[in-house]
Each structure stands twice: as structure tokens, then as C-alpha cells.
Amino acid sequence: MTHTSNPFGQVLVALVTPMTADGEVDWPAVEKHIDDVITAGADGIVVTGTTGETSTLTDPEKLKLVEVGKSVSAGRAKIITGGGSNETAHAIELYKASEKAGADGIMIVTPYYNKPTQAGILTHFRLVADATDLPVILYDIPGRAGVPIKYETILRLAKHPNILAVKDAKGDFSEVSRVLNQTDLMYFSGDDSNVLPHLAIGATGLIGVTANIAAAPYRTMVDAVNAGDLATATAAHRRLEPLVRAVMTHVPGTVAAKYILHGLGRIGSPRVRLPLVGPEEWEAALIEDELALVHDVDGADFSNFRPDRNAAAGGALPKVHGTTR
């Protein structure tokens, strides 16, 4: 499963961006959280992705996250910048600036809201990939982008020398197998519940939300698959299942991950930026019910879990809004 020229790592965390109660980025907490997940076994960090609230970060914040990630990782993990833009010109400038800030790779999301044709998607990805020397991960997530990257388009994009991988949040395993058979692209699971099935058919690794809370079991799973030990990988998958359900089922993954990390005392505030809001009472109760089923997960001890529904309630309006330019 290990790609001999993999520049990204295998256990990649789709990093949350810790914030203060008023919605400003909590930079000391960012540093601590990055160090925590690397220590737990992550060898790649995706900053400014969906989970990092890219839609409501400013460009200077995105670039500083790359710089901080590089400083904290100190060579222990690759720093990949995610997000991008649904405006091709803006995406190009943002990724060029990210390269200068020290990013090890970029993850380009399908242009969202615009709903371009496949020709437009192809052109967008090619132009962005042309603008940087960094290795590229295509982010295929039709549930958020509104359109998929179709199989034929992926095959054409695979010919670009900088495009090396796909983050798959589409869940079409037969298509993944076809692409793996016909290209040299690496695949990363973009759905926490499907990590083991993706690995089983040849994926390189994962870019996960739940790994913010428990990266170690994913390290165990990936290492076991690399060693051909399906029993150990399956055991890790099963232990993670209720935690994945808690994070990914009831509210957006960013919201749940911050709620849980705060309850574990690992970040100072569970705050998210509007239009995201913290879990309502009934949603928080459902998350906590799932967490009661989590046992023997390395790095996720809920015996002292102290959720704060009041601290999580609502969302923040930052002092400086994000901008498309």
C-alpha cells in the first residue's frame, strides 16, 4: 500500500482550526493541537480544509496556518494546504502564496457553487497545478461542491505531472478501483467510516476528521494494512466506529470534533464561525450517547469527558471577514 514516491504521508489529519470564544484563531492552541496529532501518529496535516473552516478564514490566516504548521511539525509531518477557491484566479494566487509560505503540497477542491462542466473542472485543476511546483491532491466531494469529478476527467488529470493523488469523498469504490488500475494516482479516503475499505482496495491512506481526536488508531490501521495484517486493521476499525459516528453523523464534523476536543480539555474553546454553530441540546445529547460506546481507543479516554454545551452554543462573527480576493 505504501507509494514509493508519496510526498504526503499516509495518516493525514484534516485539522480543525482552534479558536477563542469570540471566534479569533487561537494560535497557541493551533500549535499545541498540531503537536498533539503528530505525536499521536499523524504524518501529514491538512490545514485550511473543510474541517479547518476554510470558507470563513481570511487569506492571511490560511497562510499563517501553513507557516505555523511547518514550524511546529519541524519535519515530522507534511503540511498540506487545502481549501482553495471556486474562483480559479484566486485559487492560483492562494496556492502560489502557500508554496512560498512553505507548504509541502496542495489539495484542490472541486469548484463549489459554480457547478462547472467537466471541461471547466479540468481547466480549473490544470491551471492551478500549472501555477505551482507542489504535488497536488484532487479533492472529489460532490456533496459539498455540487458536481463530481467524473472518471474520465480524473484519467485526463492524472496525466499532469504535478497531480499525484485524489481525496475521495464520493464513496464509489468501483470507480476508485478503475482509476487505481489505469493510473499511478494515489487515493486518500475522505470518509472516516470508509478508511479501511479504501485501504483494502489499494488506497494509500486517509485524510480524516476523527483523527483530530484519535490519530493513533488510524496509524495502527494503516501500519497493519501495510503489513498485510487485516485482523489488526479490522479491530482498529471496529473500535473507532462509535467515535466516527459521534463525529460525523449528527452535526458537521468540524462542530463535533471541536465539541469533543474541548470536552477532553485539549482545546480551550469549541467555538466555530458562523454560519456554523455549536450543537443544539438534542444534538449534543446524541453525540454524547455515541461517545458512551467508545472503549479502548488509543488517545480517546472519555472517563473524564466534560462537555460544555453553553460554551459551544451559537457561532462567532470574527472581526475581519473572509474575502474572495
Protein backbone atom coordinates (compact mmCIF):
# COMPACT_ATOMS: atom_id res chain seq x y z
CA MET A 1 0.00 0.00 0.00
CA THR A 2 2.96 2.36 0.52
CA HIS A 3 3.64 4.53 -2.52
CA THR A 4 7.38 4.77 -3.09
CA SER A 5 7.17 8.43 -4.04
CA ASN A 6 4.43 9.52 -1.65
CA PRO A 7 5.11 13.17 -0.71
CA PHE A 8 2.03 13.50 1.52
CA GLY A 9 2.19 10.82 4.24
CA GLN A 10 -0.46 8.20 4.96
CA VAL A 11 -2.23 9.28 8.16
CA LEU A 12 -3.31 12.83 7.36
CA VAL A 13 -5.40 14.88 9.79
CA ALA A 14 -7.97 17.29 8.34
CA LEU A 15 -7.08 19.78 11.03
CA VAL A 16 -9.64 21.80 12.95
CA THR A 17 -8.66 25.44 13.49
CA PRO A 18 -8.90 26.11 17.24
CA MET A 19 -10.49 29.47 18.01
CA THR A 20 -11.13 31.66 21.01
CA ALA A 21 -14.62 32.20 22.37
CA ASP A 22 -15.00 35.30 20.16
CA GLY A 23 -14.05 33.42 17.02
CA GLU A 24 -10.46 34.56 16.55
CA VAL A 25 -7.83 31.94 15.71
CA ASP A 26 -6.21 30.69 18.91
CA TRP A 27 -2.62 30.43 17.69
CA PRO A 28 -1.11 28.80 20.81
CA ALA A 29 -3.90 26.20 20.66
CA VAL A 30 -3.19 25.62 16.96
CA GLU A 31 0.45 24.91 17.79
CA LYS A 32 -0.46 22.55 20.63
CA HIS A 33 -3.05 20.68 18.57
CA ILE A 34 -0.69 20.16 15.64
CA ASP A 35 1.96 18.81 18.00
CA ASP A 36 -0.62 16.53 19.67
CA VAL A 37 -1.78 14.87 16.46
CA ILE A 38 1.76 14.41 15.14
CA THR A 39 2.82 12.86 18.44
CA ALA A 40 -0.17 10.51 18.16
CA GLY A 41 0.99 9.21 14.79
CA ALA A 42 -0.08 11.61 12.04
CA ASP A 43 2.50 12.08 9.29
CA GLY A 44 0.50 14.65 7.33
CA ILE A 45 -1.55 17.71 8.31
CA VAL A 46 -4.12 19.33 6.02
CA VAL A 47 -4.64 22.90 7.19
CA THR A 48 -7.36 25.24 5.88
CA GLY A 49 -9.53 22.40 4.59
CA THR A 50 -13.26 21.97 5.10
CA THR A 51 -12.67 20.84 8.68
CA GLY A 52 -10.41 23.84 9.24
CA GLU A 53 -13.30 26.18 8.32
CA THR A 54 -11.63 27.39 5.15
CA SER A 55 -14.80 29.16 3.99
CA THR A 56 -14.57 31.65 6.86
CA LEU A 57 -10.80 32.03 7.19
CA THR A 58 -9.07 35.03 5.68
CA ASP A 59 -6.21 34.51 3.24
CA PRO A 60 -3.64 35.81 5.77
CA GLU A 61 -4.96 33.32 8.34
CA LYS A 62 -4.65 30.50 5.80
CA LEU A 63 -1.05 31.38 5.04
CA LYS A 64 -0.17 31.72 8.71
CA LEU A 65 -1.61 28.26 9.34
CA VAL A 66 0.85 26.89 6.79
CA GLU A 67 3.73 28.74 8.44
CA VAL A 68 2.76 27.61 11.93
CA GLY A 69 2.27 24.04 10.74
CA LYS A 70 5.73 23.98 9.19
CA SER A 71 7.29 25.41 12.33
CA VAL A 72 5.58 23.01 14.73
CA SER A 73 6.00 19.91 12.58
CA ALA A 74 9.73 20.54 12.16
CA GLY A 75 9.93 17.86 9.51
CA ARG A 76 7.90 15.27 11.43
CA ALA A 77 4.85 15.60 9.15
CA LYS A 78 4.00 17.07 5.77
CA ILE A 79 1.93 20.26 5.74
CA ILE A 80 -0.71 20.30 3.02
CA THR A 81 -2.82 23.38 2.34
CA GLY A 82 -6.45 22.68 1.47
CA GLY A 83 -9.43 24.81 0.68
CA GLY A 84 -8.62 26.83 -2.39
CA SER A 85 -11.37 28.81 -4.05
CA ASN A 86 -14.22 28.48 -6.52
CA GLU A 87 -12.59 31.34 -8.43
CA THR A 88 -9.68 29.97 -10.46
CA ALA A 89 -7.64 33.19 -10.36
CA HIS A 90 -7.97 33.41 -6.58
CA ALA A 91 -7.09 29.73 -6.14
CA ILE A 92 -3.93 30.18 -8.22
CA GLU A 93 -2.73 33.14 -6.15
CA LEU A 94 -3.58 31.45 -2.86
CA TYR A 95 -1.70 28.27 -3.70
CA LYS A 96 1.31 30.20 -5.04
CA ALA A 97 1.41 32.12 -1.77
CA SER A 98 1.06 28.86 0.18
CA GLU A 99 4.06 27.45 -1.66
CA LYS A 100 6.10 30.50 -0.64
CA ALA A 101 4.86 30.03 2.95
CA GLY A 102 6.39 26.54 2.97
CA ALA A 103 3.55 24.14 2.14
CA ASP A 104 4.67 20.63 1.18
CA GLY A 105 1.64 20.04 -1.04
CA ILE A 106 -1.77 21.39 -2.01
CA MET A 107 -5.25 19.90 -2.01
CA ILE A 108 -7.53 21.47 -4.63
CA VAL A 109 -11.26 21.20 -4.08
CA THR A 110 -13.69 20.97 -6.99
CA PRO A 111 -15.07 24.49 -7.63
CA TYR A 112 -18.19 24.73 -5.47
CA TYR A 113 -21.43 26.61 -6.09
CA ASN A 114 -20.48 27.47 -9.70
CA LYS A 115 -21.34 23.91 -10.83
CA PRO A 116 -18.92 23.98 -13.80
CA THR A 117 -18.98 21.41 -16.57
CA GLN A 118 -16.30 18.71 -16.62
CA ALA A 119 -14.39 20.87 -19.11
CA GLY A 120 -14.41 23.72 -16.59
CA ILE A 121 -13.31 21.40 -13.77
CA LEU A 122 -10.49 20.05 -15.95
CA THR A 123 -9.31 23.57 -16.82
CA HIS A 124 -9.51 24.76 -13.20
CA PHE A 125 -7.38 21.90 -11.88
CA ARG A 126 -4.86 22.10 -14.70
CA LEU A 127 -4.32 25.85 -14.35
CA VAL A 128 -3.87 25.63 -10.59
CA ALA A 129 -1.50 22.67 -10.92
CA ASP A 130 0.45 24.57 -13.59
CA ALA A 131 0.94 27.51 -11.22
CA THR A 132 2.91 25.62 -8.56
CA ASP A 133 5.66 23.04 -8.34
CA LEU A 134 3.99 21.42 -5.33
CA PRO A 135 2.41 17.96 -5.53
CA VAL A 136 -1.37 18.09 -5.86
CA ILE A 137 -4.25 16.16 -4.31
CA LEU A 138 -7.60 16.49 -6.11
CA TYR A 139 -10.48 16.75 -3.65
CA ASP A 140 -13.55 14.99 -5.05
CA ILE A 141 -16.51 15.85 -2.80
CA PRO A 142 -19.71 16.27 -4.81
CA GLY A 143 -21.82 16.56 -1.66
CA ARG A 144 -20.24 19.97 -1.00
CA ALA A 145 -19.11 21.03 -4.46
CA GLY A 146 -22.38 20.17 -6.19
CA VAL A 147 -20.58 18.29 -9.00
CA PRO A 148 -18.31 15.22 -9.07
CA ILE A 149 -15.00 14.86 -10.84
CA LYS A 150 -16.08 12.23 -13.34
CA TYR A 151 -13.97 9.16 -14.03
CA GLU A 152 -12.94 10.33 -17.50
CA THR A 153 -11.85 13.69 -16.11
CA ILE A 154 -9.75 12.04 -13.40
CA LEU A 155 -7.97 9.96 -16.06
CA ARG A 156 -7.13 13.11 -18.02
CA LEU A 157 -5.96 14.95 -14.92
CA ALA A 158 -3.74 12.00 -13.96
CA LYS A 159 -1.51 12.87 -16.91
CA HIS A 160 -0.49 16.17 -15.29
CA PRO A 161 2.95 15.76 -13.71
CA ASN A 162 2.01 17.61 -10.52
CA ILE A 163 -1.30 15.82 -9.90
CA LEU A 164 -0.44 12.77 -7.82
CA ALA A 165 -3.47 11.91 -5.72
CA VAL A 166 -7.21 12.07 -5.07
CA LYS A 167 -9.03 12.57 -1.79
CA ASP A 168 -12.21 10.56 -2.33
CA ALA A 169 -15.37 11.64 -0.52
CA LYS A 170 -17.60 10.17 -3.22
CA GLY A 171 -17.53 6.60 -1.96
CA ASP A 172 -17.69 4.92 -5.38
CA PHE A 173 -15.32 2.03 -4.71
CA SER A 174 -15.66 0.54 -8.18
CA GLU A 175 -14.51 3.86 -9.66
CA VAL A 176 -11.59 4.02 -7.23
CA SER A 177 -10.52 0.56 -8.37
CA ARG A 178 -10.77 1.56 -12.03
CA VAL A 179 -8.64 4.65 -11.51
CA LEU A 180 -6.06 2.73 -9.48
CA ASN A 181 -5.87 0.15 -12.26
CA GLN A 182 -5.44 2.72 -15.02
CA THR A 183 -3.29 5.43 -13.43
CA ASP A 184 -0.48 5.94 -10.92
CA LEU A 185 -2.67 8.19 -8.76
CA MET A 186 -2.67 7.66 -5.01
CA TYR A 187 -6.03 7.64 -3.23
CA PHE A 188 -6.80 9.01 0.22
CA SER A 189 -10.04 8.13 1.96
CA GLY A 190 -12.10 11.26 2.60
CA ASP A 191 -14.83 9.49 4.55
CA ASP A 192 -13.89 8.41 8.07
CA SER A 193 -16.22 5.42 8.06
CA ASN A 194 -14.69 4.12 4.81
CA VAL A 195 -11.00 4.27 5.65
CA LEU A 196 -10.46 0.53 5.96
CA PRO A 197 -12.49 -0.36 2.83
CA HIS A 198 -10.49 2.23 0.88
CA LEU A 199 -7.19 0.84 2.16
CA ALA A 200 -8.33 -2.70 1.38
CA ILE A 201 -8.67 -1.92 -2.34
CA GLY A 202 -5.37 -0.12 -2.61
CA ALA A 203 -5.72 3.40 -1.20
CA THR A 204 -2.57 4.98 0.22
CA GLY A 205 -4.07 6.48 3.35
CA LEU A 206 -6.67 8.83 4.80
CA ILE A 207 -7.42 12.49 5.33
CA GLY A 208 -9.61 12.26 8.40
CA VAL A 209 -11.65 14.41 10.75
CA THR A 210 -11.87 11.89 13.59
CA ALA A 211 -8.07 11.72 13.54
CA ASN A 212 -8.13 15.13 15.27
CA ILE A 213 -9.31 13.24 18.34
CA ALA A 214 -7.61 9.88 17.85
CA ALA A 215 -4.84 9.67 15.27
CA ALA A 216 -3.15 6.67 16.89
CA PRO A 217 -5.75 4.05 15.88
CA TYR A 218 -5.51 5.21 12.26
CA ARG A 219 -1.73 4.83 12.48
CA THR A 220 -2.31 1.30 13.75
CA MET A 221 -4.79 0.58 10.96
CA VAL A 222 -2.55 1.89 8.16
CA ASP A 223 0.55 0.14 9.51
CA ALA A 224 -1.40 -3.12 9.82
CA VAL A 225 -2.65 -2.90 6.24
CA ASN A 226 0.89 -2.15 5.07
CA ALA A 227 1.99 -5.33 6.86
CA GLY A 228 -0.87 -7.41 5.45
CA ASP A 229 -2.42 -7.82 8.91
CA LEU A 230 -6.13 -7.46 8.20
CA ALA A 231 -7.18 -8.72 11.63
CA THR A 232 -5.39 -5.90 13.46
CA ALA A 233 -6.67 -3.31 10.96
CA THR A 234 -10.24 -4.58 11.33
CA ALA A 235 -10.04 -4.47 15.12
CA ALA A 236 -8.92 -0.82 14.98
CA HIS A 237 -11.75 -0.06 12.53
CA ARG A 238 -14.34 -1.58 14.86
CA ARG A 239 -13.10 0.24 17.93
CA LEU A 240 -13.23 3.53 16.04
CA GLU A 241 -16.77 3.02 14.70
CA PRO A 242 -18.75 4.69 17.54
CA LEU A 243 -16.30 7.61 17.67
CA VAL A 244 -16.59 8.10 13.92
CA ARG A 245 -20.36 8.04 14.27
CA ALA A 246 -20.21 10.65 17.04
CA VAL A 247 -18.04 12.96 14.95
CA MET A 248 -19.56 12.54 11.51
CA THR A 249 -23.28 11.83 11.90
CA HIS A 250 -25.21 14.44 13.83
CA VAL A 251 -23.62 17.83 13.06
CA PRO A 252 -20.84 18.95 10.69
CA GLY A 253 -17.59 17.17 11.51
CA THR A 254 -15.85 20.42 12.43
CA VAL A 255 -18.51 21.21 15.01
CA ALA A 256 -18.49 17.76 16.60
CA ALA A 257 -14.69 17.49 16.60
CA LYS A 258 -14.29 20.82 18.39
CA TYR A 259 -17.05 19.94 20.87
CA ILE A 260 -15.31 16.67 21.71
CA LEU A 261 -11.79 18.11 21.82
CA HIS A 262 -12.99 20.82 24.20
CA GLY A 263 -14.73 18.26 26.40
CA LEU A 264 -11.46 16.34 26.59
CA GLY A 265 -9.63 19.52 27.62
CA ARG A 266 -7.46 19.56 24.51
CA ILE A 267 -8.61 22.94 23.13
CA GLY A 268 -9.70 25.99 25.08
CA SER A 269 -12.96 26.68 23.25
CA PRO A 270 -15.32 24.71 20.97
CA ARG A 271 -16.23 27.89 19.06
CA VAL A 272 -16.88 27.81 15.31
CA ARG A 273 -17.51 30.73 12.96
CA LEU A 274 -20.93 31.48 11.54
CA PRO A 275 -22.81 30.18 9.67
CA LEU A 276 -21.61 27.10 11.57
CA VAL A 277 -22.95 26.88 15.10
CA GLY A 278 -22.32 24.56 18.00
CA PRO A 279 -24.58 21.58 18.60
CA GLU A 280 -28.07 22.19 19.95
CA GLU A 281 -29.02 20.42 23.16
CA TRP A 282 -30.51 17.40 21.43
CA GLU A 283 -27.58 17.12 19.02
CA ALA A 284 -25.08 17.30 21.87
CA ALA A 285 -27.01 14.56 23.66
CA LEU A 286 -26.80 12.32 20.60
CA ILE A 287 -23.04 12.93 20.31
CA GLU A 288 -22.57 12.10 23.98
CA ASP A 289 -24.64 8.91 23.64
CA GLU A 290 -22.31 7.74 20.87
CA LEU A 291 -19.24 8.61 22.93
CA ALA A 292 -20.53 6.42 25.77
CA LEU A 293 -19.97 3.46 23.42
CA VAL A 294 -16.30 4.31 22.77
CA HIS A 295 -13.92 1.94 24.53
CA ASP A 296 -10.23 1.06 24.21
CA VAL A 297 -9.48 3.75 21.61
CA ASP A 298 -5.90 4.92 21.98
CA GLY A 299 -5.84 8.64 22.71
CA ALA A 300 -9.59 8.96 23.38
CA ASP A 301 -10.23 8.41 27.08
CA PHE A 302 -13.73 9.67 27.85
CA SER A 303 -13.71 8.80 31.55
CA ASN A 304 -13.06 12.49 32.32
CA PHE A 305 -15.04 13.93 29.42
CA ARG A 306 -16.52 17.28 30.44
CA PRO A 307 -18.68 18.69 27.63
CA ASP A 308 -19.75 22.32 27.83
CA ARG A 309 -22.90 22.85 25.81
CA ASN A 310 -23.09 26.53 26.75
CA ALA A 311 -19.56 27.23 25.54
CA ALA A 312 -20.34 25.51 22.24
CA ALA A 313 -23.68 27.21 21.65
CA GLY A 314 -24.07 29.57 18.71
CA GLY A 315 -21.34 30.75 16.38
CA ALA A 316 -18.89 33.62 16.21
CA LEU A 317 -18.62 36.65 13.94
CA PRO A 318 -14.89 37.39 13.55
CA LYS A 319 -13.57 40.95 13.44
CA VAL A 320 -12.25 40.56 9.88
CA HIS A 321 -14.38 38.66 7.39
CA GLY A 322 -13.06 36.31 4.75
CA THR A 323 -12.85 37.53 1.19
CA THR A 324 -12.73 36.01 -2.25
CA ARG A 325 -9.74 38.19 -3.18
